[in-house]
Amino acid sequence: MDKESDIVFTNGLNLDSRVYEDVLYGLLGGHYSNTTNSTESAAVQGGCCANFLEVLPKSGVGGQHIFLDAIVHEAFNTTNAYATHTFTVTRIQSGDDSILAGIFVVVYVDDSVNEHGNIIMNNTLEGLIAIDLVTHKVVRTMDGDNMFTPFDAFGTFDSSDDNFLFESLYFRGTVGWDISNDYGEQWHISGVARFEAYGNTWLVWSERYGNEVIIIYDPWTYVSTNGKRDIMQRFGTPLTVYGVEDQFRVFGLEQDHDSFLSVHNVYFTPSSPAFNDNPTITFFANTDLASQNCSVIEFEFKPVQNSAENLGIGDSVFEVDYLEAEMPYTTKAQGGGMPIGAGVYLVACAGKNHDYLGLSLVDIYGGFKYIEYSYDIDIYYYYSPFTLVEAELLH
């Protein structure tokens, strides 16, 4: 098993972070000095890996780091599994206990994928694992599983399946549309959140290579019966033919909307002023292929049931009200947005040597303001704008 003492750190906090109850939680990555157990040689790439979770209280007292690799390897019973680059912090109810937990995206190798005859380089799947941030133990789903794997719940290899509306196609990640540059990774989940709405608890995530956002009932709240593991809402432009950019479905958007290159991050708003105070989800679309620019999209949370009637409606069954604010640039990776007013968004952009690296403001009317600042280090990781750090003056 990989050991904490074998980690060599080359950077500081260089992945994603969250603030919850006056505590900053940040992912920290490195590499193993023992190359036989190196994350760099593991069959997982693209945003991998986060070896530690740093816990930094605002008070400055009680900070710690949690060795994620050891927890993940034990839960998945393999050393070829790693927490990736995004997570969320939440409270999971277990009987009378309210557990402070992190939900992490994990990439792991599963050779059973090849049983379907697919040309998949590294046979990877993605799962979601909840870890108690106090005891550092795995929090099992309501089905008693160590993890929740979307592909096991509703994955498919057949895009022609009549039930594809409520199934998610295994999509192997590439660099852009060039299938010769193959990450050998599944959807590359790029953002995750857990939220309460309409009397239920929900789980939402974005998929960089899946090109969409998916919402389901929360696996740590409900058992997998009576449709509680079905896709309840999806929004985006998932490809249906591997490596062919004009073969895609359109969910949530107007049916003549063009495809995105990829999508990143999700942000839940319980009461959005732009949607009559209804709940919404906001995400960052990396390059609309029609405009060749990035955009921030906020859409209404409106779940639908997997039923014969809805299957008969087709892709438009997921159509909802949405707002799209276009950015004056393009970037193929990273990025996030959150509403700060009706149709106004705070945006983070990533990309080395990018003219708009960092934070910007954009609105649906064409307004755009880049928040300029200077820095003296080579940094280009601006994954999301979700973490607020307040600096207090000392007297």
Protein backbone atom coordinates (compact mmCIF):
# COMPACT_ATOMS: atom_id res chain seq x y z
CA MET A 1 0.00 0.00 0.00
CA ASP A 2 1.10 3.56 -0.64
CA LYS A 3 2.48 5.33 2.40
CA GLU A 4 2.13 8.93 3.47
CA SER A 5 5.87 9.13 4.06
CA ASP A 6 6.53 8.37 0.37
CA ILE A 7 4.77 11.54 -0.82
CA VAL A 8 6.92 14.29 -2.34
CA PHE A 9 5.20 17.67 -2.53
CA THR A 10 6.06 19.99 -5.39
CA ASN A 11 3.28 22.55 -4.95
CA GLY A 12 0.93 23.88 -2.32
CA LEU A 13 -2.85 23.61 -2.52
CA ASN A 14 -3.17 23.15 -6.25
CA LEU A 15 -6.53 21.51 -6.84
CA ASP A 16 -10.01 22.44 -5.54
CA SER A 17 -11.12 23.83 -2.18
CA ARG A 18 -14.28 24.56 -0.21
CA VAL A 19 -15.19 26.63 2.86
CA TYR A 20 -17.67 25.04 5.25
CA GLU A 21 -18.51 26.24 8.77
CA ASP A 22 -15.46 28.56 8.98
CA VAL A 23 -13.07 25.83 7.86
CA LEU A 24 -11.16 25.77 4.58
CA TYR A 25 -10.84 22.33 3.03
CA GLY A 26 -8.34 22.05 0.20
CA LEU A 27 -7.06 19.22 -1.96
CA LEU A 28 -3.32 18.73 -2.06
CA GLY A 29 -1.43 16.62 -4.58
CA GLY A 30 2.11 15.36 -4.92
CA HIS A 31 3.90 12.32 -6.26
CA TYR A 32 5.41 9.20 -4.76
CA SER A 33 9.15 8.92 -4.34
CA ASN A 34 8.69 5.19 -4.83
CA THR A 35 7.91 5.10 -8.56
CA THR A 36 6.39 1.63 -8.36
CA ASN A 37 3.56 3.19 -6.40
CA SER A 38 3.52 6.53 -8.18
CA THR A 39 0.31 8.27 -9.08
CA GLU A 40 2.18 9.36 -12.19
CA SER A 41 2.57 5.74 -13.30
CA ALA A 42 -0.92 4.68 -12.25
CA ALA A 43 -3.48 4.08 -14.98
CA VAL A 44 -5.41 7.20 -14.09
CA GLN A 45 -4.81 10.63 -15.55
CA GLY A 46 -6.46 13.98 -16.28
CA GLY A 47 -7.01 15.89 -13.06
CA CYS A 48 -5.62 13.12 -10.89
CA CYS A 49 -4.63 12.95 -8.10
CA ALA A 50 -5.36 14.46 -4.71
CA ASN A 51 -3.36 12.60 -2.10
CA PHE A 52 -4.41 14.74 0.88
CA LEU A 53 -7.25 16.89 2.13
CA GLU A 54 -5.93 19.87 4.05
CA VAL A 55 -8.18 21.08 6.91
CA LEU A 56 -7.51 24.73 7.83
CA PRO A 57 -9.83 26.27 10.46
CA LYS A 58 -10.31 30.04 10.31
CA SER A 59 -9.29 30.20 13.98
CA GLY A 60 -5.89 28.80 13.10
CA VAL A 61 -6.32 26.06 15.70
CA GLY A 62 -6.78 22.37 15.00
CA GLY A 63 -5.56 22.18 11.42
CA GLN A 64 -4.78 18.75 9.98
CA HIS A 65 -4.25 16.87 6.76
CA ILE A 66 -6.13 13.71 5.88
CA PHE A 67 -4.28 11.06 3.84
CA LEU A 68 -6.94 10.27 1.23
CA ASP A 69 -4.98 7.57 -0.59
CA ALA A 70 -5.03 5.17 2.34
CA ILE A 71 -8.81 5.60 2.82
CA VAL A 72 -9.59 5.27 -0.89
CA HIS A 73 -7.33 2.25 -1.41
CA GLU A 74 -8.93 0.39 1.47
CA ALA A 75 -12.46 1.24 0.32
CA PHE A 76 -11.81 0.17 -3.28
CA ASN A 77 -9.54 -2.73 -2.30
CA THR A 78 -6.87 -1.63 -4.81
CA THR A 79 -3.93 0.75 -5.00
CA ASN A 80 -5.07 1.78 -8.47
CA ALA A 81 -7.73 4.17 -7.21
CA TYR A 82 -7.28 7.86 -6.38
CA ALA A 83 -9.35 10.83 -5.35
CA THR A 84 -9.23 13.31 -8.20
CA HIS A 85 -9.48 17.07 -8.28
CA THR A 86 -12.94 18.02 -7.05
CA PHE A 87 -15.15 17.39 -4.02
CA THR A 88 -17.82 18.90 -1.80
CA VAL A 89 -18.33 19.16 1.96
CA THR A 90 -21.72 18.39 3.45
CA ARG A 91 -23.53 16.84 6.40
CA ILE A 92 -24.96 13.34 6.01
CA GLN A 93 -27.66 12.18 8.38
CA SER A 94 -27.05 8.70 9.80
CA GLY A 95 -29.76 7.85 12.29
CA ASP A 96 -29.58 10.52 14.97
CA ASP A 97 -26.06 11.54 13.93
CA SER A 98 -25.16 14.34 11.57
CA ILE A 99 -21.85 13.38 9.98
CA LEU A 100 -19.53 16.05 8.62
CA ALA A 101 -18.38 14.45 5.38
CA GLY A 102 -16.53 15.11 2.19
CA ILE A 103 -17.82 13.57 -1.04
CA PHE A 104 -14.89 12.90 -3.36
CA VAL A 105 -14.66 11.81 -6.98
CA VAL A 106 -12.49 8.71 -7.34
CA VAL A 107 -10.97 7.30 -10.54
CA TYR A 108 -10.24 3.58 -10.41
CA VAL A 109 -9.31 0.74 -12.74
CA ASP A 110 -11.95 -1.88 -13.53
CA ASP A 111 -10.93 -4.52 -16.07
CA SER A 112 -14.54 -5.66 -16.44
CA VAL A 113 -15.03 -2.67 -18.74
CA ASN A 114 -13.19 -4.58 -21.47
CA GLU A 115 -15.80 -7.33 -21.39
CA HIS A 116 -17.87 -5.04 -23.60
CA GLY A 117 -15.23 -5.03 -26.37
CA ASN A 118 -14.44 -1.34 -26.07
CA ILE A 119 -11.16 0.25 -27.12
CA ILE A 120 -10.48 1.71 -23.68
CA MET A 121 -6.85 2.29 -22.85
CA ASN A 122 -6.92 2.07 -19.08
CA ASN A 123 -10.32 0.53 -18.26
CA THR A 124 -11.25 3.25 -15.79
CA LEU A 125 -14.49 4.07 -14.06
CA GLU A 126 -15.42 6.92 -11.73
CA GLY A 127 -17.09 6.59 -8.38
CA LEU A 128 -18.13 8.90 -5.56
CA ILE A 129 -17.03 8.19 -1.99
CA ALA A 130 -18.09 9.91 1.25
CA ILE A 131 -15.51 10.20 4.03
CA ASP A 132 -16.23 11.21 7.61
CA LEU A 133 -13.98 14.23 8.14
CA VAL A 134 -13.75 13.58 11.88
CA THR A 135 -13.10 9.82 12.04
CA HIS A 136 -11.65 9.52 8.51
CA LYS A 137 -13.85 6.48 7.91
CA VAL A 138 -15.93 5.76 4.83
CA VAL A 139 -19.60 6.69 5.10
CA ARG A 140 -21.57 3.96 3.36
CA THR A 141 -24.44 4.69 1.01
CA MET A 142 -27.97 3.74 2.05
CA ASP A 143 -27.44 0.51 0.08
CA GLY A 144 -24.46 -0.28 2.32
CA ASP A 145 -21.84 0.29 -0.39
CA ASN A 146 -18.44 1.91 0.13
CA MET A 147 -19.01 4.04 -2.95
CA PHE A 148 -21.59 5.09 -5.49
CA THR A 149 -20.68 4.33 -9.10
CA PRO A 150 -22.86 6.15 -11.67
CA PHE A 151 -22.02 3.65 -14.40
CA ASP A 152 -23.29 0.76 -12.30
CA ALA A 153 -26.53 2.65 -11.68
CA PHE A 154 -27.36 3.84 -15.20
CA GLY A 155 -24.36 3.47 -17.50
CA THR A 156 -24.51 2.06 -21.02
CA PHE A 157 -22.19 1.33 -23.95
CA ASP A 158 -25.02 1.60 -26.49
CA SER A 159 -26.05 5.11 -27.57
CA SER A 160 -28.86 3.64 -29.70
CA ASP A 161 -30.56 2.15 -26.65
CA ASP A 162 -34.22 3.23 -26.54
CA ASN A 163 -33.75 4.17 -22.88
CA PHE A 164 -30.70 6.37 -23.55
CA LEU A 165 -32.61 9.38 -22.20
CA PHE A 166 -32.17 7.97 -18.70
CA GLU A 167 -28.85 6.20 -19.23
CA SER A 168 -25.37 7.68 -19.47
CA LEU A 169 -23.03 6.59 -22.26
CA TYR A 170 -19.52 5.50 -21.29
CA PHE A 171 -17.36 8.18 -22.85
CA ARG A 172 -13.60 7.95 -22.96
CA GLY A 173 -11.90 11.30 -22.45
CA THR A 174 -9.78 12.95 -25.12
CA VAL A 175 -7.91 16.20 -25.56
CA GLY A 176 -10.44 18.24 -27.52
CA TRP A 177 -11.81 16.12 -30.36
CA ASP A 178 -8.49 14.44 -31.16
CA ILE A 179 -9.06 10.79 -30.31
CA SER A 180 -5.33 10.07 -30.72
CA ASN A 181 -4.76 12.01 -27.48
CA ASP A 182 -6.49 9.60 -25.17
CA TYR A 183 -6.60 10.05 -21.39
CA GLY A 184 -8.13 6.60 -21.03
CA GLU A 185 -10.48 8.10 -18.46
CA GLN A 186 -14.22 7.88 -18.19
CA TRP A 187 -16.42 10.99 -17.96
CA HIS A 188 -13.91 13.04 -15.93
CA ILE A 189 -16.35 14.32 -13.32
CA SER A 190 -15.39 17.98 -12.92
CA GLY A 191 -17.69 19.23 -10.15
CA VAL A 192 -20.00 17.79 -7.50
CA ALA A 193 -22.58 19.19 -5.06
CA ARG A 194 -25.24 17.88 -2.70
CA PHE A 195 -28.34 19.95 -1.96
CA GLU A 196 -31.85 20.07 -0.54
CA ALA A 197 -34.83 21.06 -2.71
CA TYR A 198 -38.54 20.26 -2.89
CA GLY A 199 -38.39 18.18 0.28
CA ASN A 200 -35.65 15.84 -0.98
CA THR A 201 -31.86 15.54 -1.01
CA TRP A 202 -30.10 15.49 -4.36
CA LEU A 203 -26.65 14.85 -5.83
CA VAL A 204 -25.43 16.75 -8.90
CA TRP A 205 -22.19 16.56 -10.86
CA SER A 206 -20.69 17.85 -14.10
CA GLU A 207 -18.75 15.76 -16.62
CA ARG A 208 -15.96 17.29 -18.66
CA TYR A 209 -15.99 14.61 -21.36
CA GLY A 210 -19.63 13.72 -20.87
CA ASN A 211 -20.44 17.35 -21.75
CA GLU A 212 -23.34 17.55 -19.34
CA VAL A 213 -24.67 17.97 -15.81
CA ILE A 214 -26.56 15.07 -14.19
CA ILE A 215 -28.84 15.13 -11.11
CA ILE A 216 -30.08 12.12 -9.12
CA TYR A 217 -31.56 11.41 -5.71
CA ASP A 218 -28.78 11.36 -3.11
CA PRO A 219 -27.37 7.82 -2.58
CA TRP A 220 -26.49 8.60 1.06
CA THR A 221 -30.13 9.45 1.81
CA TYR A 222 -32.17 6.94 -0.20
CA VAL A 223 -31.94 3.23 -1.02
CA SER A 224 -31.94 2.25 -4.69
CA THR A 225 -35.60 1.35 -5.03
CA ASN A 226 -38.58 3.09 -6.66
CA GLY A 227 -36.43 5.07 -9.09
CA LYS A 228 -34.06 6.49 -6.48
CA ARG A 229 -30.99 5.72 -8.66
CA ASP A 230 -32.49 7.03 -11.91
CA ILE A 231 -31.29 10.12 -13.71
CA MET A 232 -33.78 12.82 -12.71
CA GLN A 233 -32.40 15.71 -14.74
CA ARG A 234 -29.63 16.25 -17.26
CA PHE A 235 -28.43 19.38 -19.00
CA GLY A 236 -25.83 19.56 -21.75
CA THR A 237 -24.70 18.07 -25.05
CA PRO A 238 -23.33 14.54 -24.54
CA LEU A 239 -21.69 12.93 -27.57
CA THR A 240 -23.24 9.78 -28.97
CA VAL A 241 -20.42 8.82 -31.36
CA TYR A 242 -16.94 8.69 -29.89
CA GLY A 243 -14.66 11.37 -31.35
CA VAL A 244 -17.30 12.86 -33.70
CA GLU A 245 -18.20 16.37 -32.61
CA ASP A 246 -21.46 16.72 -34.59
CA GLN A 247 -23.01 13.56 -33.17
CA PHE A 248 -24.54 14.59 -29.87
CA ARG A 249 -27.79 14.85 -27.93
CA VAL A 250 -29.24 18.08 -26.55
CA PHE A 251 -30.65 18.00 -23.01
CA GLY A 252 -32.13 21.00 -21.20
CA LEU A 253 -31.14 23.49 -23.88
CA GLU A 254 -33.11 24.54 -26.93
CA GLN A 255 -32.85 21.70 -29.41
CA ASP A 256 -30.96 23.78 -32.02
CA HIS A 257 -28.19 24.66 -29.53
CA ASP A 258 -24.69 23.66 -30.62
CA SER A 259 -22.41 21.39 -28.61
CA PHE A 260 -19.95 22.37 -25.89
CA LEU A 261 -16.33 21.28 -25.94
CA SER A 262 -16.65 20.33 -22.25
CA VAL A 263 -18.24 21.52 -18.99
CA HIS A 264 -16.89 22.21 -15.50
CA ASN A 265 -18.21 22.67 -11.98
CA VAL A 266 -21.70 22.94 -10.53
CA TYR A 267 -23.11 25.49 -8.11
CA PHE A 268 -26.51 25.17 -6.43
CA THR A 269 -28.64 28.23 -5.69
CA PRO A 270 -31.67 27.49 -3.47
CA SER A 271 -33.58 30.61 -4.51
CA SER A 272 -32.49 32.36 -7.69
CA PRO A 273 -33.86 35.88 -8.30
CA ALA A 274 -33.59 35.31 -12.05
CA PHE A 275 -35.93 32.28 -11.86
CA ASN A 276 -38.77 33.52 -9.65
CA ASP A 277 -36.83 32.37 -6.57
CA ASN A 278 -36.79 28.77 -7.76
CA PRO A 279 -33.71 26.56 -7.24
CA THR A 280 -31.07 26.52 -9.98
CA ILE A 281 -27.77 24.93 -10.99
CA THR A 282 -24.96 26.96 -12.58
CA PHE A 283 -22.02 25.54 -14.54
CA PHE A 284 -19.16 26.66 -16.80
CA ALA A 285 -19.32 25.61 -20.48
CA ASN A 286 -15.88 25.37 -22.05
CA THR A 287 -16.30 26.70 -25.57
CA ASP A 288 -19.62 26.63 -27.36
CA LEU A 289 -18.71 25.28 -30.79
CA ALA A 290 -20.98 27.85 -32.49
CA SER A 291 -19.61 31.00 -30.83
CA GLN A 292 -16.15 29.56 -30.05
CA ASN A 293 -16.40 31.25 -26.64
CA CYS A 294 -16.95 29.97 -23.12
CA SER A 295 -20.16 30.71 -21.26
CA VAL A 296 -21.78 30.45 -17.85
CA ILE A 297 -25.17 28.75 -17.82
CA GLU A 298 -27.74 28.82 -15.01
CA PHE A 299 -30.71 26.47 -15.40
CA GLU A 300 -33.84 25.70 -13.42
CA PHE A 301 -33.82 22.59 -11.27
CA LYS A 302 -36.78 20.58 -12.57
CA PRO A 303 -36.56 16.79 -12.14
CA VAL A 304 -38.55 14.39 -14.33
CA GLN A 305 -39.40 10.72 -13.87
CA ASN A 306 -38.07 7.83 -15.94
CA SER A 307 -41.35 6.70 -17.50
CA ALA A 308 -42.68 5.36 -20.79
CA GLU A 309 -44.50 8.66 -21.31
CA ASN A 310 -41.35 10.74 -20.88
CA LEU A 311 -39.32 8.36 -23.06
CA GLY A 312 -41.86 9.01 -25.81
CA ILE A 313 -41.24 12.76 -25.60
CA GLY A 314 -37.56 12.41 -26.43
CA ASP A 315 -34.65 14.74 -25.67
CA SER A 316 -36.90 17.75 -25.11
CA VAL A 317 -38.33 16.15 -21.97
CA PHE A 318 -35.43 17.79 -20.11
CA GLU A 319 -35.99 21.29 -21.52
CA VAL A 320 -36.09 23.96 -18.81
CA ASP A 321 -35.67 27.70 -18.48
CA TYR A 322 -32.03 28.75 -18.53
CA LEU A 323 -29.79 31.79 -18.89
CA GLU A 324 -26.49 31.87 -20.77
CA ALA A 325 -23.83 34.56 -20.32
CA GLU A 326 -21.08 34.46 -22.94
CA MET A 327 -17.44 35.17 -22.13
CA PRO A 328 -15.09 36.96 -24.59
CA TYR A 329 -12.60 34.08 -24.58
CA THR A 330 -12.20 30.35 -24.88
CA THR A 331 -10.47 27.81 -22.66
CA LYS A 332 -10.69 24.05 -22.98
CA ALA A 333 -10.21 23.19 -19.30
CA GLN A 334 -11.30 24.19 -15.81
CA GLY A 335 -13.49 27.18 -14.97
CA GLY A 336 -16.58 27.79 -12.84
CA GLY A 337 -19.36 30.28 -12.28
CA MET A 338 -21.81 31.31 -9.56
CA PRO A 339 -24.68 33.82 -9.64
CA ILE A 340 -24.26 36.97 -7.55
CA GLY A 341 -27.39 38.66 -8.86
CA ALA A 342 -30.16 38.16 -11.43
CA GLY A 343 -28.28 37.15 -14.56
CA VAL A 344 -24.93 38.30 -13.14
CA TYR A 345 -22.12 35.83 -12.47
CA LEU A 346 -18.73 35.62 -10.79
CA VAL A 347 -16.49 33.49 -12.99
CA ALA A 348 -13.13 31.79 -12.59
CA CYS A 349 -11.08 31.07 -15.69
CA ALA A 350 -8.05 28.82 -16.03
CA GLY A 351 -5.44 28.39 -18.71
CA LYS A 352 -1.71 29.02 -18.70
CA ASN A 353 -0.76 32.51 -19.96
CA HIS A 354 -4.43 33.32 -20.50
CA ASP A 355 -5.35 36.99 -20.91
CA TYR A 356 -8.27 36.63 -18.48
CA LEU A 357 -6.69 34.29 -15.95
CA GLY A 358 -8.48 34.58 -12.60
CA LEU A 359 -11.83 36.16 -11.74
CA SER A 360 -14.28 38.03 -13.95
CA LEU A 361 -17.82 39.36 -13.82
CA VAL A 362 -20.24 38.69 -16.67
CA ASP A 363 -23.96 39.20 -17.25
CA ILE A 364 -26.55 37.96 -19.74
CA TYR A 365 -26.70 41.38 -21.45
CA GLY A 366 -23.12 41.28 -22.73
CA GLY A 367 -21.44 43.03 -19.82
CA PHE A 368 -17.98 41.80 -18.86
CA LYS A 369 -15.42 42.97 -16.31
CA TYR A 370 -12.05 41.35 -15.72
CA ILE A 371 -10.79 41.69 -12.16
CA GLU A 372 -7.12 42.46 -12.74
CA TYR A 373 -4.44 41.78 -10.18
CA SER A 374 -0.77 40.93 -10.18
CA TYR A 375 1.02 37.81 -8.99
CA ASP A 376 4.65 36.74 -9.01
CA ILE A 377 4.34 32.99 -9.33
CA ASP A 378 3.64 30.75 -12.30
CA ILE A 379 0.03 29.88 -11.52
CA TYR A 380 -2.80 28.91 -13.79
CA TYR A 381 -5.13 26.82 -11.63
CA TYR A 382 -8.33 28.83 -11.24
CA TYR A 383 -10.74 25.96 -11.02
CA SER A 384 -13.76 27.64 -9.45
CA PRO A 385 -14.85 30.86 -7.70
CA PHE A 386 -16.59 29.05 -4.84
CA THR A 387 -14.09 29.67 -2.02
CA LEU A 388 -14.09 33.01 -0.21
CA VAL A 389 -11.18 33.79 2.08
CA GLU A 390 -11.43 36.88 4.25
CA ALA A 391 -8.23 38.55 5.41
CA GLU A 392 -8.48 40.29 8.78
CA LEU A 393 -6.18 43.20 9.57
CA LEU A 394 -4.04 42.79 12.63
CA HIS A 395 -3.61 45.84 14.88
